[in-house]
C-alpha cells in the first residue's frame, strides 16, 4: 500500500498504551483507530502527527526497550 498522501498519526488509549495509523488527516486517523482498536478506546485528543512530534514518538518507542 502506497502512503504518498498519508502521514503517520500516533495516539494513546484510555487505560494506557499507544499505537499509530496512517491517514490523510486527523479525522480519518481517528476513524481508522476506532475501527481497528475500538475495544481499546483511543483517546481522540491524543492524536498527533509523528513527523511534527518526533520527540514524543521517540519517547513512545523507548518504552519497548
PDB file of N, CA and C in Angstrom:
ATOM      1  N   UNK A   1       0.843  -1.180   0.000  1.00  0.00           N
ATOM      2  CA  UNK A   1       0.000   0.000   0.000  1.00  0.00           C
ATOM      3  C   UNK A   1       0.888   1.243   0.000  1.00  0.00           C
ATOM      4  N   UNK A   2       0.626   2.154  -0.886  1.00  0.00           N
ATOM      5  CA  UNK A   2       1.415   3.363  -1.011  1.00  0.00           C
ATOM      6  C   UNK A   2       0.840   4.453  -0.122  1.00  0.00           C
ATOM      7  N   UNK A   3       1.696   5.119   0.646  1.00  0.00           N
ATOM      8  CA  UNK A   3       1.260   6.141   1.598  1.00  0.00           C
ATOM      9  C   UNK A   3       1.651   7.544   1.164  1.00  0.00           C
ATOM     10  N   UNK A   4       1.675   7.829  -0.140  1.00  0.00           N
ATOM     11  CA  UNK A   4       2.183   9.113  -0.608  1.00  0.00           C
ATOM     12  C   UNK A   4       1.426  10.309  -0.055  1.00  0.00           C
ATOM     13  N   UNK A   5       0.126  10.203   0.148  1.00  0.00           N
ATOM     14  CA  UNK A   5      -0.658  11.316   0.680  1.00  0.00           C
ATOM     15  C   UNK A   5      -0.992  11.149   2.147  1.00  0.00           C
ATOM     16  N   UNK A   6      -0.534  10.089   2.734  1.00  0.00           N
ATOM     17  CA  UNK A   6      -0.883   9.816   4.124  1.00  0.00           C
ATOM     18  C   UNK A   6       0.295  10.112   5.040  1.00  0.00           C
ATOM     19  N   UNK A   7      -0.007  10.429   6.277  1.00  0.00           N
ATOM     20  CA  UNK A   7       1.010  10.642   7.304  1.00  0.00           C
ATOM     21  C   UNK A   7       0.706   9.706   8.472  1.00  0.00           C
ATOM     22  N   UNK A   8       1.704   9.466   9.277  1.00  0.00           N
ATOM     23  CA  UNK A   8       1.519   8.592  10.431  1.00  0.00           C
ATOM     24  C   UNK A   8       1.013   9.420  11.610  1.00  0.00           C
ATOM     25  N   UNK A   9      -0.044   8.931  12.233  1.00  0.00           N
ATOM     26  CA  UNK A   9      -0.659   9.566  13.392  1.00  0.00           C
ATOM     27  C   UNK A   9      -0.507   8.648  14.597  1.00  0.00           C
ATOM     28  N   UNK A  10       0.084   9.146  15.677  1.00  0.00           N
ATOM     29  CA  UNK A  10       0.201   8.353  16.902  1.00  0.00           C
ATOM     30  C   UNK A  10      -0.874   8.813  17.877  1.00  0.00           C
ATOM     31  N   UNK A  11      -1.221   7.908  18.790  1.00  0.00           N
ATOM     32  CA  UNK A  11      -2.279   8.210  19.751  1.00  0.00           C
ATOM     33  C   UNK A  11      -2.141   7.277  20.938  1.00  0.00           C
ATOM     34  N   UNK A  12      -2.810   7.626  22.027  1.00  0.00           N
ATOM     35  CA  UNK A  12      -2.806   6.781  23.218  1.00  0.00           C
ATOM     36  C   UNK A  12      -4.213   6.236  23.458  1.00  0.00           C
ATOM     37  N   UNK A  13      -4.246   5.202  24.290  1.00  0.00           N
ATOM     38  CA  UNK A  13      -5.511   4.563  24.643  1.00  0.00           C
ATOM     39  C   UNK A  13      -5.900   4.911  26.067  1.00  0.00           C
ATOM     40  N   UNK A  14      -7.191   4.939  26.331  1.00  0.00           N
ATOM     41  CA  UNK A  14      -7.662   5.048  27.714  1.00  0.00           C
ATOM     42  C   UNK A  14      -7.105   3.845  28.466  1.00  0.00           C
ATOM     43  N   UNK A  15      -6.566   4.065  29.625  1.00  0.00           N
ATOM     44  CA  UNK A  15      -6.022   2.973  30.410  1.00  0.00           C
ATOM     45  C   UNK A  15      -4.565   2.665  30.101  1.00  0.00           C
ATOM     46  N   UNK A  16      -3.964   3.374  29.138  1.00  0.00           N
ATOM     47  CA  UNK A  16      -2.552   3.193  28.832  1.00  0.00           C
ATOM     48  C   UNK A  16      -2.295   2.546  27.490  1.00  0.00           C
ATOM     49  N   UNK A  17      -1.084   2.694  27.035  1.00  0.00           N
ATOM     50  CA  UNK A  17      -0.659   2.144  25.763  1.00  0.00           C
ATOM     51  C   UNK A  17      -0.810   3.145  24.628  1.00  0.00           C
ATOM     52  N   UNK A  18      -0.196   2.831  23.499  1.00  0.00           N
ATOM     53  CA  UNK A  18      -0.263   3.718  22.343  1.00  0.00           C
ATOM     54  C   UNK A  18      -0.119   2.894  21.072  1.00  0.00           C
ATOM     55  N   UNK A  19      -0.411   3.529  19.938  1.00  0.00           N
ATOM     56  CA  UNK A  19      -0.225   2.909  18.635  1.00  0.00           C
ATOM     57  C   UNK A  19      -0.271   4.013  17.596  1.00  0.00           C
ATOM     58  N   UNK A  20      -0.232   3.638  16.327  1.00  0.00           N
ATOM     59  CA  UNK A  20      -0.303   4.630  15.265  1.00  0.00           C
ATOM     60  C   UNK A  20      -1.046   4.056  14.065  1.00  0.00           C
ATOM     61  N   UNK A  21      -1.536   4.959  13.225  1.00  0.00           N
ATOM     62  CA  UNK A  21      -2.198   4.606  11.971  1.00  0.00           C
ATOM     63  C   UNK A  21      -1.731   5.590  10.905  1.00  0.00           C
ATOM     64  N   UNK A  22      -1.867   5.189   9.638  1.00  0.00           N
ATOM     65  CA  UNK A  22      -1.562   6.066   8.511  1.00  0.00           C
ATOM     66  C   UNK A  22      -2.873   6.606   7.963  1.00  0.00           C
ATOM     67  N   UNK A  23      -2.965   7.938   7.835  1.00  0.00           N
ATOM     68  CA  UNK A  23      -4.191   8.562   7.349  1.00  0.00           C
ATOM     69  C   UNK A  23      -3.880   9.911   6.710  1.00  0.00           C
ATOM     70  N   UNK A  24      -4.819  10.401   5.928  1.00  0.00           N
ATOM     71  CA  UNK A  24      -4.655  11.686   5.259  1.00  0.00           C
ATOM     72  C   UNK A  24      -4.811  12.845   6.239  1.00  0.00           C
ATOM     73  N   UNK A  25      -5.716  12.705   7.207  1.00  0.00           N
ATOM     74  CA  UNK A  25      -5.928  13.778   8.179  1.00  0.00           C
ATOM     75  C   UNK A  25      -6.319  13.183   9.529  1.00  0.00           C
ATOM     76  N   UNK A  26      -6.448  14.049  10.520  1.00  0.00           N
ATOM     77  CA  UNK A  26      -6.729  13.595  11.887  1.00  0.00           C
ATOM     78  C   UNK A  26      -8.074  12.886  11.989  1.00  0.00           C
ATOM     79  N   UNK A  27      -9.089  13.414  11.321  1.00  0.00           N
ATOM     80  CA  UNK A  27     -10.408  12.774  11.381  1.00  0.00           C
ATOM     81  C   UNK A  27     -10.366  11.356  10.833  1.00  0.00           C
ATOM     82  N   UNK A  28      -9.673  11.168   9.718  1.00  0.00           N
ATOM     83  CA  UNK A  28      -9.547   9.824   9.159  1.00  0.00           C
ATOM     84  C   UNK A  28      -8.758   8.919  10.106  1.00  0.00           C
ATOM     85  N   UNK A  29      -7.714   9.459  10.726  1.00  0.00           N
ATOM     86  CA  UNK A  29      -6.914   8.677  11.671  1.00  0.00           C
ATOM     87  C   UNK A  29      -7.763   8.207  12.853  1.00  0.00           C
ATOM     88  N   UNK A  30      -8.590   9.088  13.372  1.00  0.00           N
ATOM     89  CA  UNK A  30      -9.470   8.730  14.493  1.00  0.00           C
ATOM     90  C   UNK A  30     -10.437   7.629  14.076  1.00  0.00           C
ATOM     91  N   UNK A  31     -11.035   7.775  12.908  1.00  0.00           N
ATOM     92  CA  UNK A  31     -11.971   6.753  12.421  1.00  0.00           C
ATOM     93  C   UNK A  31     -11.287   5.409  12.222  1.00  0.00           C
ATOM     94  N   UNK A  32     -10.089   5.423  11.639  1.00  0.00           N
ATOM     95  CA  UNK A  32      -9.359   4.171  11.437  1.00  0.00           C
ATOM     96  C   UNK A  32      -9.018   3.510  12.765  1.00  0.00           C
ATOM     97  N   UNK A  33      -8.554   4.311  13.724  1.00  0.00           N
ATOM     98  CA  UNK A  33      -8.198   3.761  15.033  1.00  0.00           C
ATOM     99  C   UNK A  33      -9.419   3.210  15.752  1.00  0.00           C
ATOM    100  N   UNK A  34     -10.548   3.913  15.649  1.00  0.00           N
ATOM    101  CA  UNK A  34     -11.778   3.416  16.267  1.00  0.00           C
ATOM    102  C   UNK A  34     -12.185   2.075  15.667  1.00  0.00           C
ATOM    103  N   UNK A  35     -12.061   1.948  14.350  1.00  0.00           N
ATOM    104  CA  UNK A  35     -12.405   0.692  13.677  1.00  0.00           C
ATOM    105  C   UNK A  35     -11.457  -0.441  14.077  1.00  0.00           C
ATOM    106  N   UNK A  36     -10.173  -0.123  14.102  1.00  0.00           N
ATOM    107  CA  UNK A  36      -9.173  -1.161  14.347  1.00  0.00           C
ATOM    108  C   UNK A  36      -9.013  -1.497  15.825  1.00  0.00           C
ATOM    109  N   UNK A  37      -9.075  -0.483  16.695  1.00  0.00           N
ATOM    110  CA  UNK A  37      -8.791  -0.671  18.117  1.00  0.00           C
ATOM    111  C   UNK A  37      -9.940  -0.233  19.007  1.00  0.00           C
ATOM    112  N   UNK A  38     -11.145  -0.151  18.482  1.00  0.00           N
ATOM    113  CA  UNK A  38     -12.287   0.386  19.214  1.00  0.00           C
ATOM    114  C   UNK A  38     -12.459  -0.162  20.612  1.00  0.00           C
ATOM    115  N   UNK A  39     -12.194  -1.446  20.792  1.00  0.00           N
ATOM    116  CA  UNK A  39     -12.314  -2.062  22.113  1.00  0.00           C
ATOM    117  C   UNK A  39     -11.343  -1.430  23.109  1.00  0.00           C
ATOM    118  N   UNK A  40     -10.203  -0.926  22.611  1.00  0.00           N
ATOM    119  CA  UNK A  40      -9.195  -0.318  23.479  1.00  0.00           C
ATOM    120  C   UNK A  40      -9.422   1.174  23.710  1.00  0.00           C
ATOM    121  N   UNK A  41     -10.365   1.762  23.028  1.00  0.00           N
ATOM    122  CA  UNK A  41     -10.775   3.159  23.201  1.00  0.00           C
ATOM    123  C   UNK A  41      -9.633   4.166  23.020  1.00  0.00           C
ATOM    124  N   UNK A  42      -9.281   4.491  21.772  1.00  0.00           N
ATOM    125  CA  UNK A  42      -8.298   5.549  21.513  1.00  0.00           C
ATOM    126  C   UNK A  42      -8.795   6.889  22.063  1.00  0.00           C
ATOM    127  N   UNK A  43      -7.896   7.670  22.635  1.00  0.00           N
ATOM    128  CA  UNK A  43      -8.233   8.997  23.153  1.00  0.00           C
ATOM    129  C   UNK A  43      -8.137   9.988  21.990  1.00  0.00           C
ATOM    130  N   UNK A  44      -9.255  10.542  21.587  1.00  0.00           N
ATOM    131  CA  UNK A  44      -9.307  11.394  20.394  1.00  0.00           C
ATOM    132  C   UNK A  44      -8.414  12.633  20.508  1.00  0.00           C
ATOM    133  N   UNK A  45      -8.288  13.203  21.691  1.00  0.00           N
ATOM    134  CA  UNK A  45      -7.453  14.395  21.877  1.00  0.00           C
ATOM    135  C   UNK A  45      -5.960  14.085  21.846  1.00  0.00           C
ATOM    136  N   UNK A  46      -5.580  12.817  21.850  1.00  0.00           N
ATOM    137  CA  UNK A  46      -4.161  12.468  21.885  1.00  0.00           C
ATOM    138  C   UNK A  46      -3.545  12.303  20.494  1.00  0.00           C
ATOM    139  N   UNK A  47      -4.333  12.343  19.441  1.00  0.00           N
ATOM    140  CA  UNK A  47      -3.811  12.119  18.087  1.00  0.00           C
ATOM    141  C   UNK A  47      -2.884  13.256  17.675  1.00  0.00           C
ATOM    142  N   UNK A  48      -1.683  12.889  17.182  1.00  0.00           N
ATOM    143  CA  UNK A  48      -0.729  13.875  16.686  1.00  0.00           C
ATOM    144  C   UNK A  48       0.098  13.266  15.571  1.00  0.00           C
ATOM    145  N   UNK A  49       0.543  14.126  14.656  1.00  0.00           N
ATOM    146  CA  UNK A  49       1.373  13.662  13.548  1.00  0.00           C
ATOM    147  C   UNK A  49       2.755  13.292  14.054  1.00  0.00           C
ATOM    148  N   UNK A  50       3.222  12.113  13.670  1.00  0.00           N
ATOM    149  CA  UNK A  50       4.543  11.652  14.087  1.00  0.00           C
ATOM    150  C   UNK A  50       5.622  12.614  13.593  1.00  0.00           C
ATOM    151  N   UNK A  51       5.542  13.011  12.333  1.00  0.00           N
ATOM    152  CA  UNK A  51       6.584  13.868  11.739  1.00  0.00           C
ATOM    153  C   UNK A  51       6.741  15.187  12.487  1.00  0.00           C
ATOM    154  N   UNK A  52       5.672  15.726  13.018  1.00  0.00           N
ATOM    155  CA  UNK A  52       5.714  17.006  13.736  1.00  0.00           C
ATOM    156  C   UNK A  52       6.000  16.833  15.226  1.00  0.00           C
ATOM    157  N   UNK A  53       6.063  15.589  15.690  1.00  0.00           N
ATOM    158  CA  UNK A  53       6.259  15.296  17.118  1.00  0.00           C
ATOM    159  C   UNK A  53       7.256  14.159  17.301  1.00  0.00           C
ATOM    160  N   UNK A  54       8.404  14.273  16.645  1.00  0.00           N
ATOM    161  CA  UNK A  54       9.385  13.185  16.660  1.00  0.00           C
ATOM    162  C   UNK A  54       9.896  12.873  18.066  1.00  0.00           C
ATOM    163  N   UNK A  55      10.025  13.889  18.909  1.00  0.00           N
ATOM    164  CA  UNK A  55      10.495  13.651  20.269  1.00  0.00           C
ATOM    165  C   UNK A  55       9.539  12.776  21.060  1.00  0.00           C
ATOM    166  N   UNK A  56       8.255  13.059  20.940  1.00  0.00           N
ATOM    167  CA  UNK A  56       7.238  12.256  21.629  1.00  0.00           C
ATOM    168  C   UNK A  56       7.271  10.832  21.086  1.00  0.00           C
ATOM    169  N   UNK A  57       7.367  10.710  19.765  1.00  0.00           N
ATOM    170  CA  UNK A  57       7.399   9.391  19.132  1.00  0.00           C
ATOM    171  C   UNK A  57       8.602   8.581  19.624  1.00  0.00           C
ATOM    172  N   UNK A  58       9.755   9.213  19.699  1.00  0.00           N
ATOM    173  CA  UNK A  58      10.953   8.510  20.197  1.00  0.00           C
ATOM    174  C   UNK A  58      10.767   8.074  21.647  1.00  0.00           C
ATOM    175  N   UNK A  59      10.117   8.917  22.452  1.00  0.00           N
ATOM    176  CA  UNK A  59       9.837   8.531  23.838  1.00  0.00           C
ATOM    177  C   UNK A  59       8.904   7.329  23.890  1.00  0.00           C
ATOM    178  N   UNK A  60       7.881   7.320  23.047  1.00  0.00           N
ATOM    179  CA  UNK A  60       6.977   6.177  22.997  1.00  0.00           C
ATOM    180  C   UNK A  60       7.725   4.906  22.598  1.00  0.00           C
ATOM    181  N   UNK A  61       8.583   5.035  21.585  1.00  0.00           N
ATOM    182  CA  UNK A  61       9.357   3.867  21.143  1.00  0.00           C
ATOM    183  C   UNK A  61      10.292   3.351  22.223  1.00  0.00           C
ATOM    184  N   UNK A  62      10.795   4.247  23.062  1.00  0.00           N
ATOM    185  CA  UNK A  62      11.727   3.833  24.117  1.00  0.00           C
ATOM    186  C   UNK A  62      11.045   2.927  25.141  1.00  0.00           C
ATOM    187  N   UNK A  63       9.713   2.928  25.181  1.00  0.00           N
ATOM    188  CA  UNK A  63       9.001   2.060  26.103  1.00  0.00           C
ATOM    189  C   UNK A  63       9.184   0.586  25.751  1.00  0.00           C
ATOM    190  N   UNK A  64       9.599   0.315  24.506  1.00  0.00           N
ATOM    191  CA  UNK A  64       9.807  -1.070  24.080  1.00  0.00           C
ATOM    192  C   UNK A  64      11.150  -1.628  24.522  1.00  0.00           C
ATOM    193  N   UNK A  65      12.075  -0.779  24.922  1.00  0.00           N
ATOM    194  CA  UNK A  65      13.432  -1.252  25.238  1.00  0.00           C
ATOM    195  C   UNK A  65      13.618  -1.472  26.690  1.00  0.00           C
TER     196      UNK A  65
END
